[in-house]
Amino acid sequence: MTRPIPLLGDISLQYVQHIEHSLDAGFASARIAGLEGELQQRSGRPSHHIRIEGVLIGETTRDDLGTLQTAAQTGEELTFAADITGALDLQKVVIRSLQDYESAGRPNQIHYRIELAESPPLPPPAEVSGFGGLDEFGLGDLGIDTGMLDDLQDLAGDIASAAEQALGAVEALGSLASLAASGGLDFGGMLEPLNGTVDNMRNVASSFQDATRSLGGLFSS
């Protein structure tokens, strides 16, 4: 029965003499007082490693060697398939090291040693979630009513609108008092006491307007 030929990218490694798979399970030992032995804690699985020794033979020897050297130099990811990794979910590998040599009197025959390492795909990018990620636990669990937030946003908008109308009335009253003070209209001195009061009301209304706008922006963000 013919065994499948290991494939590294588009290269058929037909004359593999030795192939080895190794895996560090990722355990770290920790001493516990009173415990016979050591506690084994795993932080995660490292990459699979494959070591291959073989020979390139034939008319495509130089081209195959050039492809291997280019892949090792550029660090491009390659597919890999072999019996020894048949039970592994090995999607992509990179060439961590490559050694090759040829001997006198053996034309078109190049020996090589390759060390491959698994290169898994990156996880999906992180997404920013509302409430600092607390929404994953459910807002209901936190006692927060999202409908109440909508009502507060509407209320803040109504308050901001009322503040704008009040500020407009204060400005109109201030203009009337200024006109009377300049002699444009004669109200017999009735509006003179309003000069200082209008200024105070203008400051209060403006501050209240800014506060309600900030509150509305907080609930709408």
Protein backbone atom coordinates (compact mmCIF):
# COMPACT_ATOMS: atom_id res chain seq x y z
CA MET A 1 0.00 0.00 0.00
CA THR A 2 1.43 3.32 -1.07
CA ARG A 3 1.58 5.85 1.73
CA PRO A 4 0.47 9.45 1.03
CA ILE A 5 3.29 11.83 0.22
CA PRO A 6 3.68 14.72 2.68
CA LEU A 7 2.75 18.03 1.09
CA LEU A 8 4.15 21.38 2.17
CA GLY A 9 2.37 24.05 0.18
CA ASP A 10 2.76 22.99 -3.45
CA ILE A 11 5.88 20.93 -2.79
CA SER A 12 5.67 17.14 -2.69
CA LEU A 13 8.18 15.85 -0.16
CA GLN A 14 8.55 12.49 -1.84
CA TYR A 15 11.72 11.25 -0.18
CA VAL A 16 11.14 11.99 3.48
CA GLN A 17 13.50 9.94 5.63
CA HIS A 18 12.37 11.08 9.06
CA ILE A 19 9.37 13.03 10.30
CA GLU A 20 8.63 13.91 13.91
CA HIS A 21 5.76 15.68 15.66
CA SER A 22 6.13 17.29 19.07
CA LEU A 23 3.78 19.21 21.33
CA ASP A 24 4.35 20.96 24.62
CA ALA A 25 1.03 20.64 26.42
CA GLY A 26 1.51 24.02 28.11
CA PHE A 27 1.48 22.93 31.75
CA ALA A 28 3.30 24.85 34.47
CA SER A 29 4.19 23.13 37.74
CA ALA A 30 3.36 24.76 41.08
CA ARG A 31 4.41 23.49 44.50
CA ILE A 32 1.62 23.30 47.09
CA ALA A 33 2.42 22.93 50.78
CA GLY A 34 1.39 19.48 52.01
CA LEU A 35 0.81 18.14 48.48
CA GLU A 36 2.78 15.12 47.34
CA GLY A 37 3.82 16.14 43.86
CA GLU A 38 3.16 19.38 42.02
CA LEU A 39 -0.03 21.04 40.85
CA GLN A 40 -0.20 21.20 37.05
CA GLN A 41 -1.80 24.35 35.69
CA ARG A 42 -2.39 24.85 31.99
CA SER A 43 -2.38 28.33 30.49
CA GLY A 44 -3.07 27.24 26.92
CA ARG A 45 -1.83 24.91 24.21
CA PRO A 46 1.34 25.96 22.38
CA SER A 47 1.77 25.35 18.66
CA HIS A 48 2.41 21.95 17.14
CA HIS A 49 5.95 21.43 15.85
CA ILE A 50 6.98 19.13 13.01
CA ARG A 51 10.55 18.23 12.12
CA ILE A 52 11.27 16.72 8.73
CA GLU A 53 14.44 15.28 7.21
CA GLY A 54 14.50 14.20 3.61
CA VAL A 55 16.06 14.42 0.18
CA LEU A 56 15.12 16.39 -2.92
CA ILE A 57 15.81 14.32 -6.03
CA GLY A 58 15.12 14.77 -9.73
CA GLU A 59 14.93 17.44 -12.36
CA THR A 60 12.87 19.79 -10.14
CA THR A 61 15.34 19.62 -7.25
CA ARG A 62 16.63 23.18 -7.68
CA ASP A 63 13.13 24.61 -8.15
CA ASP A 64 11.78 22.79 -5.11
CA LEU A 65 14.71 23.95 -3.01
CA GLY A 66 14.20 27.51 -4.21
CA THR A 67 10.52 27.34 -3.20
CA LEU A 68 11.45 26.09 0.27
CA GLN A 69 14.11 28.76 0.73
CA THR A 70 11.76 31.51 -0.42
CA ALA A 71 9.02 30.35 1.95
CA ALA A 72 11.48 30.20 4.84
CA GLN A 73 12.86 33.64 3.99
CA THR A 74 9.51 35.40 3.60
CA GLY A 75 7.80 33.59 6.48
CA GLU A 76 4.67 32.93 4.43
CA GLU A 77 2.08 30.54 5.80
CA LEU A 78 1.77 27.16 4.09
CA THR A 79 -0.59 24.22 4.23
CA PHE A 80 0.78 20.90 5.41
CA ALA A 81 -0.56 17.38 5.14
CA ALA A 82 1.00 14.14 6.32
CA ASP A 83 0.00 10.92 8.06
CA ILE A 84 1.63 12.00 11.30
CA THR A 85 -0.63 15.07 11.54
CA GLY A 86 -3.79 13.39 10.22
CA ALA A 87 -5.56 13.60 13.60
CA LEU A 88 -4.63 17.24 14.17
CA ASP A 89 -6.55 20.34 13.13
CA LEU A 90 -3.48 21.83 11.48
CA GLN A 91 -4.58 24.58 9.10
CA LYS A 92 -1.40 26.57 8.44
CA VAL A 93 2.29 26.24 9.29
CA VAL A 94 5.40 28.38 8.91
CA ILE A 95 8.98 27.28 8.37
CA ARG A 96 10.86 28.13 11.57
CA SER A 97 14.18 26.80 10.32
CA LEU A 98 15.60 25.26 7.16
CA GLN A 99 18.93 23.53 6.62
CA ASP A 100 19.99 22.06 3.29
CA TYR A 101 23.19 20.55 1.95
CA GLU A 102 24.45 18.47 -0.96
CA SER A 103 27.32 16.00 -1.28
CA ALA A 104 29.95 15.63 -3.98
CA GLY A 105 29.24 13.01 -6.60
CA ARG A 106 25.48 13.17 -6.09
CA PRO A 107 24.05 15.61 -8.61
CA ASN A 108 20.43 16.77 -8.28
CA GLN A 109 20.28 15.42 -4.76
CA ILE A 110 19.91 17.83 -1.84
CA HIS A 111 19.39 16.88 1.78
CA TYR A 112 17.28 19.13 3.97
CA ARG A 113 16.03 19.55 7.51
CA ILE A 114 12.90 21.59 8.17
CA GLU A 115 11.24 22.64 11.39
CA LEU A 116 7.61 23.65 11.00
CA ALA A 117 5.42 25.41 13.56
CA GLU A 118 1.65 25.72 13.59
CA SER A 119 0.36 29.22 12.77
CA PRO A 120 -3.31 29.37 13.89
CA PRO A 121 -5.68 32.06 12.64
CA LEU A 122 -6.16 35.12 14.83
CA PRO A 123 -9.38 35.43 16.85
CA PRO A 124 -11.99 37.97 15.69
CA PRO A 125 -11.29 41.57 16.71
CA ALA A 126 -12.58 42.71 20.08
CA GLU A 127 -15.76 44.78 20.07
CA VAL A 128 -16.59 47.57 22.48
CA SER A 129 -19.86 46.82 24.24
CA GLY A 130 -22.16 49.04 26.22
CA PHE A 131 -21.96 49.44 29.99
CA GLY A 132 -18.29 48.32 29.99
CA GLY A 133 -19.27 44.82 28.91
CA LEU A 134 -21.83 44.38 31.70
CA ASP A 135 -24.59 44.00 29.13
CA GLU A 136 -23.33 40.47 28.49
CA PHE A 137 -24.82 39.55 31.87
CA GLY A 138 -28.17 41.13 31.01
CA LEU A 139 -29.31 44.57 32.05
CA GLY A 140 -32.27 42.98 33.78
CA ASP A 141 -29.88 41.25 36.19
CA LEU A 142 -28.45 44.66 37.09
CA GLY A 143 -31.86 46.15 37.77
CA ILE A 144 -31.57 48.64 34.89
CA ASP A 145 -34.69 49.31 32.84
CA THR A 146 -33.73 50.33 29.31
CA GLY A 147 -37.21 51.83 28.80
CA MET A 148 -36.55 54.12 31.75
CA LEU A 149 -33.40 55.35 30.03
CA ASP A 150 -35.45 56.27 26.95
CA ASP A 151 -37.93 58.18 29.15
CA LEU A 152 -35.08 60.05 30.83
CA GLN A 153 -33.65 60.98 27.45
CA ASP A 154 -37.03 62.36 26.31
CA LEU A 155 -37.41 64.24 29.61
CA ALA A 156 -33.95 65.76 29.23
CA GLY A 157 -34.90 66.94 25.74
CA ASP A 158 -38.11 68.54 27.02
CA ILE A 159 -36.24 70.28 29.84
CA ALA A 160 -33.63 71.58 27.38
CA SER A 161 -36.39 72.95 25.13
CA ALA A 162 -38.08 74.67 28.09
CA ALA A 163 -34.75 76.13 29.15
CA GLU A 164 -34.24 77.56 25.66
CA GLN A 165 -37.68 79.23 25.79
CA ALA A 166 -36.97 80.64 29.25
CA LEU A 167 -33.61 81.95 28.09
CA GLY A 168 -35.32 83.62 25.11
CA ALA A 169 -37.81 85.33 27.42
CA VAL A 170 -34.99 86.53 29.69
CA GLU A 171 -33.11 87.92 26.69
CA ALA A 172 -36.23 89.77 25.47
CA LEU A 173 -36.82 91.23 28.93
CA GLY A 174 -33.19 92.25 29.13
CA SER A 175 -33.40 94.01 25.76
CA LEU A 176 -36.49 95.89 26.95
CA ALA A 177 -34.76 96.98 30.17
CA SER A 178 -31.66 98.10 28.23
CA LEU A 179 -33.81 100.11 25.84
CA ALA A 180 -35.53 101.84 28.74
CA ALA A 181 -32.19 102.58 30.40
CA SER A 182 -30.90 104.20 27.21
CA GLY A 183 -33.90 106.53 27.02
CA GLY A 184 -35.47 104.86 23.99
CA LEU A 185 -38.65 104.15 25.94
CA ASP A 186 -39.98 105.92 28.99
CA PHE A 187 -41.54 103.63 31.58
CA GLY A 188 -41.09 106.09 34.40
CA GLY A 189 -38.16 104.12 35.86
CA MET A 190 -40.25 100.98 36.29
CA LEU A 191 -37.71 98.70 34.54
CA GLU A 192 -34.52 100.04 36.09
CA PRO A 193 -34.48 97.45 38.92
CA LEU A 194 -34.59 94.69 36.29
CA ASN A 195 -31.10 95.40 34.93
CA GLY A 196 -29.24 93.39 37.57
CA THR A 197 -31.98 90.79 37.93
CA VAL A 198 -32.03 90.07 34.20
CA ASP A 199 -28.28 89.47 34.17
CA ASN A 200 -28.60 86.96 37.03
CA MET A 201 -31.54 85.21 35.35
CA ARG A 202 -29.60 85.05 32.06
CA ASN A 203 -26.64 83.31 33.76
CA VAL A 204 -28.88 80.85 35.61
CA ALA A 205 -30.93 79.99 32.51
CA SER A 206 -27.81 79.55 30.38
CA SER A 207 -26.18 77.24 32.95
CA PHE A 208 -29.38 75.22 33.29
CA GLN A 209 -29.60 74.90 29.53
CA ASP A 210 -26.02 73.60 29.28
CA ALA A 211 -26.65 71.10 32.09
CA THR A 212 -29.78 69.66 30.47
CA ARG A 213 -28.04 69.35 27.10
CA SER A 214 -25.19 67.43 28.75
CA LEU A 215 -27.72 65.18 30.48
CA GLY A 216 -29.46 64.50 27.19
CA GLY A 217 -26.16 63.70 25.50
CA LEU A 218 -25.28 61.29 28.32
CA PHE A 219 -28.39 59.16 27.80
CA SER A 220 -28.19 59.30 24.02
CA SER A 221 -24.55 58.06 23.83
